[in-house]
Amino acid sequence: IKTVCVPVVPLAIWCRAIGVYLSRTKFHELAEIRPVAGAGATCPSPKRHYVAPTVPQQPAHMIFEPDIELMSHEELRHVRDLTISRPNVGTITFHGETDVTGLDFARIVRLEVGEVLVYPDKEHKPPVGVGLNKAATVTMYQCWPPNGNKLLADPKSAEKYKRKIKQMTEEKTARFIDYDCGTGVWKFSVDQF
């Protein structure tokens, strides 16, 4: 770019910076962001997803309670009732003490509207009770019935749909806690992931 159109270099560098930011916060599956040719930028590290053995990696779109970024190494080994949430999407509360040292949350936890996955890659799933493979309570938001307005107007249909959600929950070896057609909130618990 430097040799073709010098005034464009700052804009190209700015666009790359935005691309890097988006690839790290919202679009993790994007291809590697390359440097602006001839602008003096350097390639990002190919080990972009490396996690230091003692510091957990937090995805930017998830909120952690307690705030694990403020904890010491010893505190990270004994996090009590860790809650991971995404606003307007859902929460997962892991019961008891959890050792979060070295966990790559971006790879381990997928919390999307209508979907919660912990350890989606079964090859890297630890034994029950280790890491995040433990008892948890999940609350999902925006889980609306297909014909939401129709169900809201008819209490019998709403109750029937709630029973359907309960049956679906139990088929997935989870314990149904509640579902509300009016708010779209679905709550259940699991013994493990």
C-alpha atoms as a PDB file:
ATOM      1  CA  ILE A   1       0.000   0.000   0.000  1.00  0.00           C
ATOM      2  CA  LYS A   2       2.868   2.372   0.852  1.00  0.00           C
ATOM      3  CA  THR A   3       4.164   2.265  -2.697  1.00  0.00           C
ATOM      4  CA  VAL A   4       0.751   2.601  -4.361  1.00  0.00           C
ATOM      5  CA  CYS A   5      -1.126   5.178  -2.267  1.00  0.00           C
ATOM      6  CA  VAL A   6       0.627   6.569   0.805  1.00  0.00           C
ATOM      7  CA  PRO A   7      -2.390   8.532   2.166  1.00  0.00           C
ATOM      8  CA  VAL A   8      -4.376   5.281   2.484  1.00  0.00           C
ATOM      9  CA  VAL A   9      -1.926   3.595   4.896  1.00  0.00           C
ATOM     10  CA  PRO A  10      -3.498   5.022   8.116  1.00  0.00           C
ATOM     11  CA  LEU A  11      -6.970   3.975   6.946  1.00  0.00           C
ATOM     12  CA  ALA A  12      -5.738   0.473   6.078  1.00  0.00           C
ATOM     13  CA  ILE A  13      -4.079   0.132   9.495  1.00  0.00           C
ATOM     14  CA  TRP A  14      -7.269   1.338  11.207  1.00  0.00           C
ATOM     15  CA  CYS A  15      -9.401  -1.165   9.230  1.00  0.00           C
ATOM     16  CA  ARG A  16      -7.029  -3.968  10.216  1.00  0.00           C
ATOM     17  CA  ALA A  17      -7.254  -2.934  13.876  1.00  0.00           C
ATOM     18  CA  ILE A  18     -11.059  -3.116  13.701  1.00  0.00           C
ATOM     19  CA  GLY A  19     -10.797  -6.541  12.036  1.00  0.00           C
ATOM     20  CA  VAL A  20      -8.473  -7.813  14.773  1.00  0.00           C
ATOM     21  CA  TYR A  21     -10.800  -6.462  17.469  1.00  0.00           C
ATOM     22  CA  LEU A  22     -13.864  -8.126  15.906  1.00  0.00           C
ATOM     23  CA  SER A  23     -12.021 -11.411  15.387  1.00  0.00           C
ATOM     24  CA  ARG A  24     -11.122 -11.498  19.078  1.00  0.00           C
ATOM     25  CA  THR A  25     -14.485 -10.414  20.476  1.00  0.00           C
ATOM     26  CA  LYS A  26     -17.404 -11.393  18.266  1.00  0.00           C
ATOM     27  CA  PHE A  27     -16.249 -13.449  15.305  1.00  0.00           C
ATOM     28  CA  HIS A  28     -13.817 -16.053  16.636  1.00  0.00           C
ATOM     29  CA  GLU A  29     -14.149 -18.222  13.542  1.00  0.00           C
ATOM     30  CA  LEU A  30     -12.797 -15.572  11.139  1.00  0.00           C
ATOM     31  CA  ALA A  31      -9.681 -16.298   9.153  1.00  0.00           C
ATOM     32  CA  GLU A  32      -6.407 -14.978  10.509  1.00  0.00           C
ATOM     33  CA  ILE A  33      -6.159 -11.195  10.127  1.00  0.00           C
ATOM     34  CA  ARG A  34      -3.113 -10.434   7.997  1.00  0.00           C
ATOM     35  CA  PRO A  35      -0.985  -7.291   8.334  1.00  0.00           C
ATOM     36  CA  VAL A  36      -1.403  -4.370   5.973  1.00  0.00           C
ATOM     37  CA  ALA A  37       1.180  -5.063   3.270  1.00  0.00           C
ATOM     38  CA  GLY A  38       4.050  -2.622   3.317  1.00  0.00           C
ATOM     39  CA  ALA A  39       2.693  -0.608   6.226  1.00  0.00           C
ATOM     40  CA  GLY A  40       5.150  -1.940   8.766  1.00  0.00           C
ATOM     41  CA  ALA A  41       2.544  -3.985  10.647  1.00  0.00           C
ATOM     42  CA  THR A  42       3.546  -7.335  12.046  1.00  0.00           C
ATOM     43  CA  CYS A  43       1.712 -10.639  11.837  1.00  0.00           C
ATOM     44  CA  PRO A  44      -0.319 -11.636  14.864  1.00  0.00           C
ATOM     45  CA  SER A  45       0.987 -14.619  16.730  1.00  0.00           C
ATOM     46  CA  PRO A  46      -0.157 -17.919  15.230  1.00  0.00           C
ATOM     47  CA  LYS A  47      -0.818 -19.125  18.812  1.00  0.00           C
ATOM     48  CA  ARG A  48      -3.631 -16.598  19.214  1.00  0.00           C
ATOM     49  CA  HIS A  49      -5.655 -18.989  21.393  1.00  0.00           C
ATOM     50  CA  TYR A  50      -2.802 -19.959  23.736  1.00  0.00           C
ATOM     51  CA  VAL A  51      -3.733 -19.797  27.397  1.00  0.00           C
ATOM     52  CA  ALA A  52      -1.114 -19.457  30.083  1.00  0.00           C
ATOM     53  CA  PRO A  53      -1.336 -22.380  32.482  1.00  0.00           C
ATOM     54  CA  THR A  54      -2.519 -20.301  35.418  1.00  0.00           C
ATOM     55  CA  VAL A  55      -4.535 -17.441  33.896  1.00  0.00           C
ATOM     56  CA  PRO A  56      -7.986 -18.290  32.489  1.00  0.00           C
ATOM     57  CA  GLN A  57      -8.917 -16.759  29.125  1.00  0.00           C
ATOM     58  CA  GLN A  58     -12.144 -14.775  29.227  1.00  0.00           C
ATOM     59  CA  PRO A  59     -14.160 -14.240  26.057  1.00  0.00           C
ATOM     60  CA  ALA A  60     -15.040 -10.558  25.774  1.00  0.00           C
ATOM     61  CA  HIS A  61     -18.761 -11.261  25.427  1.00  0.00           C
ATOM     62  CA  MET A  62     -19.046 -13.226  28.689  1.00  0.00           C
ATOM     63  CA  ILE A  63     -19.368 -11.879  32.197  1.00  0.00           C
ATOM     64  CA  PHE A  64     -17.812 -13.790  35.101  1.00  0.00           C
ATOM     65  CA  GLU A  65     -18.962 -13.590  38.710  1.00  0.00           C
ATOM     66  CA  PRO A  66     -16.898 -13.407  40.755  1.00  0.00           C
ATOM     67  CA  ASP A  67     -14.603 -11.428  38.459  1.00  0.00           C
ATOM     68  CA  ILE A  68     -11.805 -13.927  37.843  1.00  0.00           C
ATOM     69  CA  GLU A  69      -9.530 -11.285  36.333  1.00  0.00           C
ATOM     70  CA  LEU A  70      -9.191  -9.716  39.780  1.00  0.00           C
ATOM     71  CA  MET A  71      -8.308 -12.961  41.552  1.00  0.00           C
ATOM     72  CA  SER A  72      -4.914 -14.256  42.647  1.00  0.00           C
ATOM     73  CA  HIS A  73      -3.584 -17.599  41.451  1.00  0.00           C
ATOM     74  CA  GLU A  74      -4.614 -19.241  44.722  1.00  0.00           C
ATOM     75  CA  GLU A  75      -8.130 -17.738  44.525  1.00  0.00           C
ATOM     76  CA  LEU A  76      -8.495 -19.031  40.933  1.00  0.00           C
ATOM     77  CA  ARG A  77      -7.993 -22.562  42.253  1.00  0.00           C
ATOM     78  CA  HIS A  78     -11.042 -22.228  44.554  1.00  0.00           C
ATOM     79  CA  VAL A  79     -13.716 -20.124  42.821  1.00  0.00           C
ATOM     80  CA  ARG A  80     -17.004 -20.587  44.642  1.00  0.00           C
ATOM     81  CA  ASP A  81     -20.261 -20.745  42.635  1.00  0.00           C
ATOM     82  CA  LEU A  82     -18.760 -19.432  39.405  1.00  0.00           C
ATOM     83  CA  THR A  83     -21.380 -17.805  37.184  1.00  0.00           C
ATOM     84  CA  ILE A  84     -20.781 -17.221  33.483  1.00  0.00           C
ATOM     85  CA  SER A  85     -23.348 -15.083  31.717  1.00  0.00           C
ATOM     86  CA  ARG A  86     -24.122 -13.305  28.486  1.00  0.00           C
ATOM     87  CA  PRO A  87     -26.604 -10.439  28.751  1.00  0.00           C
ATOM     88  CA  ASN A  88     -29.983 -11.299  27.176  1.00  0.00           C
ATOM     89  CA  VAL A  89     -28.716 -14.823  26.384  1.00  0.00           C
ATOM     90  CA  GLY A  90     -28.308 -16.780  29.617  1.00  0.00           C
ATOM     91  CA  THR A  91     -26.293 -17.781  32.662  1.00  0.00           C
ATOM     92  CA  ILE A  92     -24.551 -20.899  33.906  1.00  0.00           C
ATOM     93  CA  THR A  93     -23.808 -21.209  37.624  1.00  0.00           C
ATOM     94  CA  PHE A  94     -21.310 -23.943  38.508  1.00  0.00           C
ATOM     95  CA  HIS A  95     -22.013 -25.135  42.049  1.00  0.00           C
ATOM     96  CA  GLY A  96     -19.340 -25.468  44.705  1.00  0.00           C
ATOM     97  CA  GLU A  97     -15.649 -24.737  44.230  1.00  0.00           C
ATOM     98  CA  THR A  98     -14.133 -24.731  40.760  1.00  0.00           C
ATOM     99  CA  ASP A  99     -10.463 -24.602  39.782  1.00  0.00           C
ATOM    100  CA  VAL A 100     -10.403 -22.275  36.761  1.00  0.00           C
ATOM    101  CA  THR A 101      -6.624 -22.086  36.314  1.00  0.00           C
ATOM    102  CA  GLY A 102      -5.683 -22.683  32.709  1.00  0.00           C
ATOM    103  CA  LEU A 103      -9.259 -22.937  31.402  1.00  0.00           C
ATOM    104  CA  ASP A 104      -9.839 -21.579  27.894  1.00  0.00           C
ATOM    105  CA  PHE A 105     -13.409 -20.377  28.342  1.00  0.00           C
ATOM    106  CA  ALA A 106     -13.654 -19.305  24.687  1.00  0.00           C
ATOM    107  CA  ARG A 107     -13.108 -22.932  23.652  1.00  0.00           C
ATOM    108  CA  ILE A 108     -14.957 -24.623  26.521  1.00  0.00           C
ATOM    109  CA  VAL A 109     -18.187 -22.600  26.869  1.00  0.00           C
ATOM    110  CA  ARG A 110     -20.665 -21.764  24.124  1.00  0.00           C
ATOM    111  CA  LEU A 111     -23.616 -19.735  25.362  1.00  0.00           C
ATOM    112  CA  GLU A 112     -25.928 -18.640  22.550  1.00  0.00           C
ATOM    113  CA  VAL A 113     -29.647 -17.891  22.333  1.00  0.00           C
ATOM    114  CA  GLY A 114     -31.349 -21.264  22.809  1.00  0.00           C
ATOM    115  CA  GLU A 115     -28.067 -23.177  23.150  1.00  0.00           C
ATOM    116  CA  VAL A 116     -25.621 -23.936  25.919  1.00  0.00           C
ATOM    117  CA  LEU A 117     -22.605 -26.155  25.357  1.00  0.00           C
ATOM    118  CA  VAL A 118     -19.832 -26.850  27.819  1.00  0.00           C
ATOM    119  CA  TYR A 119     -16.948 -28.876  26.407  1.00  0.00           C
ATOM    120  CA  PRO A 120     -18.345 -29.083  22.867  1.00  0.00           C
ATOM    121  CA  ASP A 121     -15.171 -30.973  21.900  1.00  0.00           C
ATOM    122  CA  LYS A 122     -15.677 -34.257  23.765  1.00  0.00           C
ATOM    123  CA  GLU A 123     -12.006 -35.225  23.329  1.00  0.00           C
ATOM    124  CA  HIS A 124     -10.975 -32.427  25.702  1.00  0.00           C
ATOM    125  CA  LYS A 125     -13.717 -33.042  28.255  1.00  0.00           C
ATOM    126  CA  PRO A 126     -12.268 -33.791  31.718  1.00  0.00           C
ATOM    127  CA  PRO A 127     -13.697 -36.375  34.127  1.00  0.00           C
ATOM    128  CA  VAL A 128     -16.859 -35.486  36.047  1.00  0.00           C
ATOM    129  CA  GLY A 129     -16.099 -32.999  38.828  1.00  0.00           C
ATOM    130  CA  VAL A 130     -13.015 -31.549  37.121  1.00  0.00           C
ATOM    131  CA  GLY A 131     -12.999 -28.089  35.525  1.00  0.00           C
ATOM    132  CA  LEU A 132     -16.482 -27.130  34.363  1.00  0.00           C
ATOM    133  CA  ASN A 133     -17.710 -30.716  33.989  1.00  0.00           C
ATOM    134  CA  LYS A 134     -19.766 -30.505  37.160  1.00  0.00           C
ATOM    135  CA  ALA A 135     -23.191 -29.702  38.575  1.00  0.00           C
ATOM    136  CA  ALA A 136     -24.641 -26.434  37.319  1.00  0.00           C
ATOM    137  CA  THR A 137     -27.851 -24.476  36.975  1.00  0.00           C
ATOM    138  CA  VAL A 138     -28.579 -22.981  33.556  1.00  0.00           C
ATOM    139  CA  THR A 139     -30.964 -20.112  32.827  1.00  0.00           C
ATOM    140  CA  MET A 140     -31.655 -19.358  29.170  1.00  0.00           C
ATOM    141  CA  TYR A 141     -33.352 -16.175  27.939  1.00  0.00           C
ATOM    142  CA  GLN A 142     -35.231 -15.548  24.672  1.00  0.00           C
ATOM    143  CA  CYS A 143     -36.478 -19.137  24.417  1.00  0.00           C
ATOM    144  CA  TRP A 144     -39.753 -18.236  22.797  1.00  0.00           C
ATOM    145  CA  PRO A 145     -42.365 -20.677  21.542  1.00  0.00           C
ATOM    146  CA  PRO A 146     -42.650 -20.829  17.733  1.00  0.00           C
ATOM    147  CA  ASN A 147     -46.062 -19.091  17.826  1.00  0.00           C
ATOM    148  CA  GLY A 148     -45.383 -16.952  20.883  1.00  0.00           C
ATOM    149  CA  ASN A 149     -48.280 -14.522  20.568  1.00  0.00           C
ATOM    150  CA  LYS A 150     -50.782 -17.322  20.050  1.00  0.00           C
ATOM    151  CA  LEU A 151     -49.521 -19.250  23.086  1.00  0.00           C
ATOM    152  CA  LEU A 152     -49.501 -16.170  25.300  1.00  0.00           C
ATOM    153  CA  ALA A 153     -53.187 -15.589  24.584  1.00  0.00           C
ATOM    154  CA  ASP A 154     -54.174 -19.182  25.406  1.00  0.00           C
ATOM    155  CA  PRO A 155     -53.199 -20.442  28.895  1.00  0.00           C
ATOM    156  CA  LYS A 156     -53.867 -24.087  27.924  1.00  0.00           C
ATOM    157  CA  SER A 157     -51.481 -23.852  24.938  1.00  0.00           C
ATOM    158  CA  ALA A 158     -48.857 -22.145  27.114  1.00  0.00           C
ATOM    159  CA  GLU A 159     -49.087 -24.938  29.699  1.00  0.00           C
ATOM    160  CA  LYS A 160     -48.865 -27.587  26.969  1.00  0.00           C
ATOM    161  CA  TYR A 161     -45.738 -25.941  25.570  1.00  0.00           C
ATOM    162  CA  LYS A 162     -44.240 -25.756  29.066  1.00  0.00           C
ATOM    163  CA  ARG A 163     -44.789 -29.527  29.439  1.00  0.00           C
ATOM    164  CA  LYS A 164     -43.089 -30.021  26.058  1.00  0.00           C
ATOM    165  CA  ILE A 165     -40.059 -28.013  27.257  1.00  0.00           C
ATOM    166  CA  LYS A 166     -40.005 -30.069  30.469  1.00  0.00           C
ATOM    167  CA  GLN A 167     -40.059 -33.351  28.516  1.00  0.00           C
ATOM    168  CA  MET A 168     -37.306 -32.131  26.166  1.00  0.00           C
ATOM    169  CA  THR A 169     -35.196 -31.066  29.161  1.00  0.00           C
ATOM    170  CA  GLU A 170     -35.538 -34.436  30.859  1.00  0.00           C
ATOM    171  CA  GLU A 171     -34.712 -36.291  27.617  1.00  0.00           C
ATOM    172  CA  LYS A 172     -31.362 -34.497  27.692  1.00  0.00           C
ATOM    173  CA  THR A 173     -30.723 -35.878  31.217  1.00  0.00           C
ATOM    174  CA  ALA A 174     -31.228 -32.489  32.838  1.00  0.00           C
ATOM    175  CA  ARG A 175     -33.645 -31.509  35.607  1.00  0.00           C
ATOM    176  CA  PHE A 176     -36.373 -29.105  34.580  1.00  0.00           C
ATOM    177  CA  ILE A 177     -36.823 -26.192  36.997  1.00  0.00           C
ATOM    178  CA  ASP A 178     -39.128 -23.792  35.140  1.00  0.00           C
ATOM    179  CA  TYR A 179     -40.163 -22.299  31.828  1.00  0.00           C
ATOM    180  CA  ASP A 180     -42.267 -19.188  31.228  1.00  0.00           C
ATOM    181  CA  CYS A 181     -43.834 -18.570  27.795  1.00  0.00           C
ATOM    182  CA  GLY A 182     -44.439 -14.928  28.727  1.00  0.00           C
ATOM    183  CA  THR A 183     -40.787 -14.116  29.467  1.00  0.00           C
ATOM    184  CA  GLY A 184     -39.033 -16.767  27.361  1.00  0.00           C
ATOM    185  CA  VAL A 185     -36.970 -17.824  30.402  1.00  0.00           C
ATOM    186  CA  TRP A 186     -36.056 -21.525  30.692  1.00  0.00           C
ATOM    187  CA  LYS A 187     -34.265 -22.811  33.781  1.00  0.00           C
ATOM    188  CA  PHE A 188     -32.807 -26.275  34.364  1.00  0.00           C
ATOM    189  CA  SER A 189     -29.966 -28.002  36.178  1.00  0.00           C
ATOM    190  CA  VAL A 190     -27.430 -30.667  35.254  1.00  0.00           C
ATOM    191  CA  ASP A 191     -25.163 -32.972  37.243  1.00  0.00           C
ATOM    192  CA  GLN A 192     -22.412 -32.702  34.634  1.00  0.00           C
ATOM    193  CA  PHE A 193     -21.746 -31.638  31.070  1.00  0.00           C
END
